[in-house]
Amino acid sequence: MAKKNGSRAADRRQRKIIEHVKAQRGLDREQFFDEGGELCRWRGMKTVEVDRKKKANKNACRKFNRRNVQG
């Protein structure tokens, strides 16, 4: 098994910070909905854009391979 980079103490500190952030997020979420917030507002806007060229090439390749296998 490969050895992890970093010490156990550092991992524990990092885990403790993450747990604290998660707890704070939960409190923020609870307060948001108590104030009448909507789920769509909590989730936010979609910011990821699709690479159209990559998607077209991927679909073309998959459709090409399906035709060869089936027919």
PDB file of N, CA and C in Angstrom:
ATOM      1  N   MET A   1       0.837  -1.178   0.000  1.00  0.00           N
ATOM      2  CA  MET A   1       0.000   0.000   0.000  1.00  0.00           C
ATOM      3  C   MET A   1       0.882   1.241   0.000  1.00  0.00           C
ATOM      4  N   ALA A   2       0.505   2.213  -0.816  1.00  0.00           N
ATOM      5  CA  ALA A   2       1.310   3.430  -0.938  1.00  0.00           C
ATOM      6  C   ALA A   2       1.194   4.285   0.316  1.00  0.00           C
ATOM      7  N   LYS A   3       2.296   4.933   0.667  1.00  0.00           N
ATOM      8  CA  LYS A   3       2.319   5.797   1.833  1.00  0.00           C
ATOM      9  C   LYS A   3       1.751   7.164   1.469  1.00  0.00           C
ATOM     10  N   LYS A   4       0.917   7.694   2.367  1.00  0.00           N
ATOM     11  CA  LYS A   4       0.333   9.010   2.141  1.00  0.00           C
ATOM     12  C   LYS A   4       1.370  10.091   2.396  1.00  0.00           C
ATOM     13  N   ASN A   5       1.218  11.194   1.709  1.00  0.00           N
ATOM     14  CA  ASN A   5       2.044  12.359   1.997  1.00  0.00           C
ATOM     15  C   ASN A   5       1.437  13.092   3.194  1.00  0.00           C
ATOM     16  N   GLY A   6       2.270  13.494   4.134  1.00  0.00           N
ATOM     17  CA  GLY A   6       1.774  14.217   5.298  1.00  0.00           C
ATOM     18  C   GLY A   6       1.723  13.319   6.515  1.00  0.00           C
ATOM     19  N   SER A   7       1.633  13.947   7.659  1.00  0.00           N
ATOM     20  CA  SER A   7       1.622  13.204   8.901  1.00  0.00           C
ATOM     21  C   SER A   7       0.194  12.962   9.371  1.00  0.00           C
ATOM     22  N   ARG A   8       0.072  12.084  10.343  1.00  0.00           N
ATOM     23  CA  ARG A   8      -1.253  11.805  10.907  1.00  0.00           C
ATOM     24  C   ARG A   8      -1.786  13.026  11.641  1.00  0.00           C
ATOM     25  N   ALA A   9      -0.905  13.749  12.322  1.00  0.00           N
ATOM     26  CA  ALA A   9      -1.330  14.945  13.047  1.00  0.00           C
ATOM     27  C   ALA A   9      -1.912  15.981  12.077  1.00  0.00           C
ATOM     28  N   ALA A  10      -1.265  16.139  10.936  1.00  0.00           N
ATOM     29  CA  ALA A  10      -1.761  17.083   9.927  1.00  0.00           C
ATOM     30  C   ALA A  10      -3.115  16.613   9.393  1.00  0.00           C
ATOM     31  N   ASP A  11      -3.259  15.321   9.186  1.00  0.00           N
ATOM     32  CA  ASP A  11      -4.529  14.772   8.717  1.00  0.00           C
ATOM     33  C   ASP A  11      -5.638  15.027   9.731  1.00  0.00           C
ATOM     34  N   ARG A  12      -5.317  14.846  11.021  1.00  0.00           N
ATOM     35  CA  ARG A  12      -6.309  15.090  12.067  1.00  0.00           C
ATOM     36  C   ARG A  12      -6.712  16.554  12.121  1.00  0.00           C
ATOM     37  N   ARG A  13      -5.733  17.441  11.984  1.00  0.00           N
ATOM     38  CA  ARG A  13      -6.045  18.873  11.984  1.00  0.00           C
ATOM     39  C   ARG A  13      -6.939  19.222  10.793  1.00  0.00           C
ATOM     40  N   GLN A  14      -6.593  18.679   9.635  1.00  0.00           N
ATOM     41  CA  GLN A  14      -7.371  18.941   8.422  1.00  0.00           C
ATOM     42  C   GLN A  14      -8.793  18.406   8.575  1.00  0.00           C
ATOM     43  N   ARG A  15      -8.920  17.202   9.119  1.00  0.00           N
ATOM     44  CA  ARG A  15     -10.233  16.603   9.324  1.00  0.00           C
ATOM     45  C   ARG A  15     -11.067  17.447  10.296  1.00  0.00           C
ATOM     46  N   LYS A  16     -10.434  17.958  11.342  1.00  0.00           N
ATOM     47  CA  LYS A  16     -11.124  18.782  12.327  1.00  0.00           C
ATOM     48  C   LYS A  16     -11.641  20.069  11.679  1.00  0.00           C
ATOM     49  N   ILE A  17     -10.821  20.675  10.838  1.00  0.00           N
ATOM     50  CA  ILE A  17     -11.228  21.891  10.131  1.00  0.00           C
ATOM     51  C   ILE A  17     -12.405  21.599   9.214  1.00  0.00           C
ATOM     52  N   ILE A  18     -12.341  20.494   8.484  1.00  0.00           N
ATOM     53  CA  ILE A  18     -13.418  20.132   7.556  1.00  0.00           C
ATOM     54  C   ILE A  18     -14.716  19.883   8.306  1.00  0.00           C
ATOM     55  N   GLU A  19     -14.638  19.189   9.449  1.00  0.00           N
ATOM     56  CA  GLU A  19     -15.837  18.946  10.251  1.00  0.00           C
ATOM     57  C   GLU A  19     -16.448  20.267  10.725  1.00  0.00           C
ATOM     58  N   HIS A  20     -15.607  21.207  11.110  1.00  0.00           N
ATOM     59  CA  HIS A  20     -16.097  22.510  11.557  1.00  0.00           C
ATOM     60  C   HIS A  20     -16.785  23.247  10.412  1.00  0.00           C
ATOM     61  N   VAL A  21     -16.199  23.207   9.226  1.00  0.00           N
ATOM     62  CA  VAL A  21     -16.778  23.871   8.057  1.00  0.00           C
ATOM     63  C   VAL A  21     -18.121  23.233   7.696  1.00  0.00           C
ATOM     64  N   LYS A  22     -18.194  21.903   7.769  1.00  0.00           N
ATOM     65  CA  LYS A  22     -19.451  21.203   7.472  1.00  0.00           C
ATOM     66  C   LYS A  22     -20.541  21.613   8.445  1.00  0.00           C
ATOM     67  N   ALA A  23     -20.183  21.690   9.725  1.00  0.00           N
ATOM     68  CA  ALA A  23     -21.163  22.096  10.739  1.00  0.00           C
ATOM     69  C   ALA A  23     -21.655  23.515  10.470  1.00  0.00           C
ATOM     70  N   GLN A  24     -20.743  24.405  10.122  1.00  0.00           N
ATOM     71  CA  GLN A  24     -21.125  25.789   9.844  1.00  0.00           C
ATOM     72  C   GLN A  24     -22.017  25.871   8.615  1.00  0.00           C
ATOM     73  N   ARG A  25     -21.722  25.080   7.597  1.00  0.00           N
ATOM     74  CA  ARG A  25     -22.566  25.061   6.398  1.00  0.00           C
ATOM     75  C   ARG A  25     -23.980  24.619   6.734  1.00  0.00           C
ATOM     76  N   GLY A  26     -24.075  23.601   7.605  1.00  0.00           N
ATOM     77  CA  GLY A  26     -25.386  23.113   8.022  1.00  0.00           C
ATOM     78  C   GLY A  26     -26.176  24.190   8.743  1.00  0.00           C
ATOM     79  N   LEU A  27     -25.507  24.941   9.619  1.00  0.00           N
ATOM     80  CA  LEU A  27     -26.174  26.031  10.343  1.00  0.00           C
ATOM     81  C   LEU A  27     -26.607  27.138   9.387  1.00  0.00           C
ATOM     82  N   ASP A  28     -25.746  27.452   8.418  1.00  0.00           N
ATOM     83  CA  ASP A  28     -26.082  28.472   7.421  1.00  0.00           C
ATOM     84  C   ASP A  28     -27.301  28.046   6.607  1.00  0.00           C
ATOM     85  N   ARG A  29     -27.315  26.778   6.224  1.00  0.00           N
ATOM     86  CA  ARG A  29     -28.430  26.242   5.434  1.00  0.00           C
ATOM     87  C   ARG A  29     -29.734  26.306   6.234  1.00  0.00           C
ATOM     88  N   GLU A  30     -29.663  25.889   7.477  1.00  0.00           N
ATOM     89  CA  GLU A  30     -30.848  25.900   8.336  1.00  0.00           C
ATOM     90  C   GLU A  30     -31.391  27.324   8.492  1.00  0.00           C
ATOM     91  N   GLN A  31     -30.518  28.281   8.725  1.00  0.00           N
ATOM     92  CA  GLN A  31     -30.936  29.672   8.871  1.00  0.00           C
ATOM     93  C   GLN A  31     -31.550  30.193   7.569  1.00  0.00           C
ATOM     94  N   PHE A  32     -30.946  29.839   6.440  1.00  0.00           N
ATOM     95  CA  PHE A  32     -31.433  30.276   5.138  1.00  0.00           C
ATOM     96  C   PHE A  32     -32.875  29.820   4.911  1.00  0.00           C
ATOM     97  N   PHE A  33     -33.158  28.540   5.202  1.00  0.00           N
ATOM     98  CA  PHE A  33     -34.504  28.020   4.978  1.00  0.00           C
ATOM     99  C   PHE A  33     -35.486  28.526   6.029  1.00  0.00           C
ATOM    100  N   ASP A  34     -35.022  28.771   7.249  1.00  0.00           N
ATOM    101  CA  ASP A  34     -35.893  29.346   8.278  1.00  0.00           C
ATOM    102  C   ASP A  34     -36.351  30.750   7.891  1.00  0.00           C
ATOM    103  N   GLU A  35     -35.518  31.466   7.152  1.00  0.00           N
ATOM    104  CA  GLU A  35     -35.863  32.817   6.705  1.00  0.00           C
ATOM    105  C   GLU A  35     -36.698  32.811   5.428  1.00  0.00           C
ATOM    106  N   GLY A  36     -37.114  31.622   4.983  1.00  0.00           N
ATOM    107  CA  GLY A  36     -37.994  31.525   3.820  1.00  0.00           C
ATOM    108  C   GLY A  36     -37.270  31.376   2.506  1.00  0.00           C
ATOM    109  N   GLY A  37     -36.012  30.965   2.529  1.00  0.00           N
ATOM    110  CA  GLY A  37     -35.255  30.775   1.293  1.00  0.00           C
ATOM    111  C   GLY A  37     -35.746  29.574   0.500  1.00  0.00           C
ATOM    112  N   GLU A  38     -35.512  29.600  -0.792  1.00  0.00           N
ATOM    113  CA  GLU A  38     -35.931  28.516  -1.679  1.00  0.00           C
ATOM    114  C   GLU A  38     -34.734  27.637  -2.029  1.00  0.00           C
ATOM    115  N   LEU A  39     -35.030  26.384  -2.305  1.00  0.00           N
ATOM    116  CA  LEU A  39     -33.974  25.423  -2.614  1.00  0.00           C
ATOM    117  C   LEU A  39     -33.186  25.832  -3.857  1.00  0.00           C
ATOM    118  N   CYS A  40     -33.875  26.336  -4.869  1.00  0.00           N
ATOM    119  CA  CYS A  40     -33.185  26.724  -6.101  1.00  0.00           C
ATOM    120  C   CYS A  40     -32.212  27.877  -5.841  1.00  0.00           C
ATOM    121  N   ARG A  41     -32.533  28.744  -4.904  1.00  0.00           N
ATOM    122  CA  ARG A  41     -31.623  29.834  -4.541  1.00  0.00           C
ATOM    123  C   ARG A  41     -30.435  29.310  -3.759  1.00  0.00           C
ATOM    124  N   TRP A  42     -30.661  28.309  -2.907  1.00  0.00           N
ATOM    125  CA  TRP A  42     -29.570  27.751  -2.100  1.00  0.00           C
ATOM    126  C   TRP A  42     -28.550  27.064  -3.000  1.00  0.00           C
ATOM    127  N   ARG A  43     -29.031  26.348  -3.991  1.00  0.00           N
ATOM    128  CA  ARG A  43     -28.127  25.603  -4.886  1.00  0.00           C
ATOM    129  C   ARG A  43     -27.327  26.533  -5.777  1.00  0.00           C
ATOM    130  N   GLY A  44     -27.890  27.653  -6.154  1.00  0.00           N
ATOM    131  CA  GLY A  44     -27.169  28.609  -6.982  1.00  0.00           C
ATOM    132  C   GLY A  44     -27.306  28.317  -8.458  1.00  0.00           C
ATOM    133  N   MET A  45     -26.617  29.118  -9.240  1.00  0.00           N
ATOM    134  CA  MET A  45     -26.682  28.995 -10.686  1.00  0.00           C
ATOM    135  C   MET A  45     -25.643  27.991 -11.169  1.00  0.00           C
ATOM    136  N   LYS A  46     -25.937  27.372 -12.279  1.00  0.00           N
ATOM    137  CA  LYS A  46     -24.999  26.439 -12.893  1.00  0.00           C
ATOM    138  C   LYS A  46     -23.869  27.240 -13.529  1.00  0.00           C
ATOM    139  N   THR A  47     -22.632  26.916 -13.177  1.00  0.00           N
ATOM    140  CA  THR A  47     -21.500  27.680 -13.704  1.00  0.00           C
ATOM    141  C   THR A  47     -20.597  26.844 -14.610  1.00  0.00           C
ATOM    142  N   VAL A  48     -20.892  25.553 -14.743  1.00  0.00           N
ATOM    143  CA  VAL A  48     -20.063  24.685 -15.563  1.00  0.00           C
ATOM    144  C   VAL A  48     -20.562  24.738 -17.003  1.00  0.00           C
ATOM    145  N   GLU A  49     -19.662  25.010 -17.910  1.00  0.00           N
ATOM    146  CA  GLU A  49     -20.003  25.064 -19.327  1.00  0.00           C
ATOM    147  C   GLU A  49     -19.540  23.777 -20.010  1.00  0.00           C
ATOM    148  N   VAL A  50     -20.340  23.297 -20.940  1.00  0.00           N
ATOM    149  CA  VAL A  50     -20.007  22.078 -21.682  1.00  0.00           C
ATOM    150  C   VAL A  50     -19.056  22.436 -22.810  1.00  0.00           C
ATOM    151  N   ASP A  51     -18.005  21.639 -22.968  1.00  0.00           N
ATOM    152  CA  ASP A  51     -17.101  21.791 -24.105  1.00  0.00           C
ATOM    153  C   ASP A  51     -17.778  21.088 -25.287  1.00  0.00           C
ATOM    154  N   ARG A  52     -18.372  21.872 -26.166  1.00  0.00           N
ATOM    155  CA  ARG A  52     -19.205  21.300 -27.231  1.00  0.00           C
ATOM    156  C   ARG A  52     -18.416  20.419 -28.192  1.00  0.00           C
ATOM    157  N   LYS A  53     -17.197  20.827 -28.501  1.00  0.00           N
ATOM    158  CA  LYS A  53     -16.378  20.035 -29.422  1.00  0.00           C
ATOM    159  C   LYS A  53     -16.042  18.679 -28.805  1.00  0.00           C
ATOM    160  N   LYS A  54     -15.674  18.699 -27.528  1.00  0.00           N
ATOM    161  CA  LYS A  54     -15.340  17.456 -26.837  1.00  0.00           C
ATOM    162  C   LYS A  54     -16.560  16.535 -26.762  1.00  0.00           C
ATOM    163  N   LYS A  55     -17.721  17.111 -26.451  1.00  0.00           N
ATOM    164  CA  LYS A  55     -18.942  16.320 -26.345  1.00  0.00           C
ATOM    165  C   LYS A  55     -19.319  15.711 -27.697  1.00  0.00           C
ATOM    166  N   ALA A  56     -19.193  16.495 -28.763  1.00  0.00           N
ATOM    167  CA  ALA A  56     -19.531  16.000 -30.102  1.00  0.00           C
ATOM    168  C   ALA A  56     -18.610  14.860 -30.512  1.00  0.00           C
ATOM    169  N   ASN A  57     -17.322  15.004 -30.235  1.00  0.00           N
ATOM    170  CA  ASN A  57     -16.369  13.954 -30.578  1.00  0.00           C
ATOM    171  C   ASN A  57     -16.643  12.677 -29.779  1.00  0.00           C
ATOM    172  N   LYS A  58     -16.954  12.844 -28.513  1.00  0.00           N
ATOM    173  CA  LYS A  58     -17.227  11.696 -27.656  1.00  0.00           C
ATOM    174  C   LYS A  58     -18.472  10.945 -28.134  1.00  0.00           C
ATOM    175  N   ASN A  59     -19.527  11.709 -28.433  1.00  0.00           N
ATOM    176  CA  ASN A  59     -20.758  11.081 -28.917  1.00  0.00           C
ATOM    177  C   ASN A  59     -20.546  10.403 -30.261  1.00  0.00           C
ATOM    178  N   ALA A  60     -19.798  11.022 -31.151  1.00  0.00           N
ATOM    179  CA  ALA A  60     -19.542  10.447 -32.470  1.00  0.00           C
ATOM    180  C   ALA A  60     -18.776   9.130 -32.332  1.00  0.00           C
ATOM    181  N   CYS A  61     -17.810   9.117 -31.453  1.00  0.00           N
ATOM    182  CA  CYS A  61     -17.014   7.913 -31.246  1.00  0.00           C
ATOM    183  C   CYS A  61     -17.875   6.782 -30.689  1.00  0.00           C
ATOM    184  N   ARG A  62     -18.700   7.101 -29.730  1.00  0.00           N
ATOM    185  CA  ARG A  62     -19.537   6.074 -29.108  1.00  0.00           C
ATOM    186  C   ARG A  62     -20.578   5.543 -30.076  1.00  0.00           C
ATOM    187  N   LYS A  63     -21.184   6.425 -30.853  1.00  0.00           N
ATOM    188  CA  LYS A  63     -22.175   5.977 -31.823  1.00  0.00           C
ATOM    189  C   LYS A  63     -21.510   5.143 -32.905  1.00  0.00           C
ATOM    190  N   PHE A  64     -20.314   5.530 -33.313  1.00  0.00           N
ATOM    191  CA  PHE A  64     -19.576   4.764 -34.326  1.00  0.00           C
ATOM    192  C   PHE A  64     -19.289   3.362 -33.822  1.00  0.00           C
ATOM    193  N   ASN A  65     -18.831   3.238 -32.595  1.00  0.00           N
ATOM    194  CA  ASN A  65     -18.508   1.947 -32.023  1.00  0.00           C
ATOM    195  C   ASN A  65     -19.748   1.074 -31.848  1.00  0.00           C
ATOM    196  N   ARG A  66     -20.866   1.674 -31.487  1.00  0.00           N
ATOM    197  CA  ARG A  66     -22.101   0.902 -31.329  1.00  0.00           C
ATOM    198  C   ARG A  66     -22.545   0.319 -32.653  1.00  0.00           C
ATOM    199  N   ARG A  67     -22.419   1.105 -33.725  1.00  0.00           N
ATOM    200  CA  ARG A  67     -22.819   0.598 -35.041  1.00  0.00           C
ATOM    201  C   ARG A  67     -21.961  -0.579 -35.460  1.00  0.00           C
ATOM    202  N   ASN A  68     -20.674  -0.516 -35.172  1.00  0.00           N
ATOM    203  CA  ASN A  68     -19.767  -1.597 -35.552  1.00  0.00           C
ATOM    204  C   ASN A  68     -20.065  -2.866 -34.759  1.00  0.00           C
ATOM    205  N   VAL A  69     -20.392  -2.730 -33.491  1.00  0.00           N
ATOM    206  CA  VAL A  69     -20.624  -3.899 -32.644  1.00  0.00           C
ATOM    207  C   VAL A  69     -21.929  -4.556 -32.995  1.00  0.00           C
ATOM    208  N   GLN A  70     -22.987  -3.762 -33.231  1.00  0.00           N
ATOM    209  CA  GLN A  70     -24.309  -4.311 -33.463  1.00  0.00           C
ATOM    210  C   GLN A  70     -24.490  -4.788 -34.903  1.00  0.00           C
ATOM    211  N   GLY A  71     -23.865  -4.121 -35.842  1.00  0.00           N
ATOM    212  CA  GLY A  71     -24.196  -4.463 -37.217  1.00  0.00           C
ATOM    213  C   GLY A  71     -23.055  -4.829 -37.998  1.00  0.00           C
TER     214      GLY A  71
END
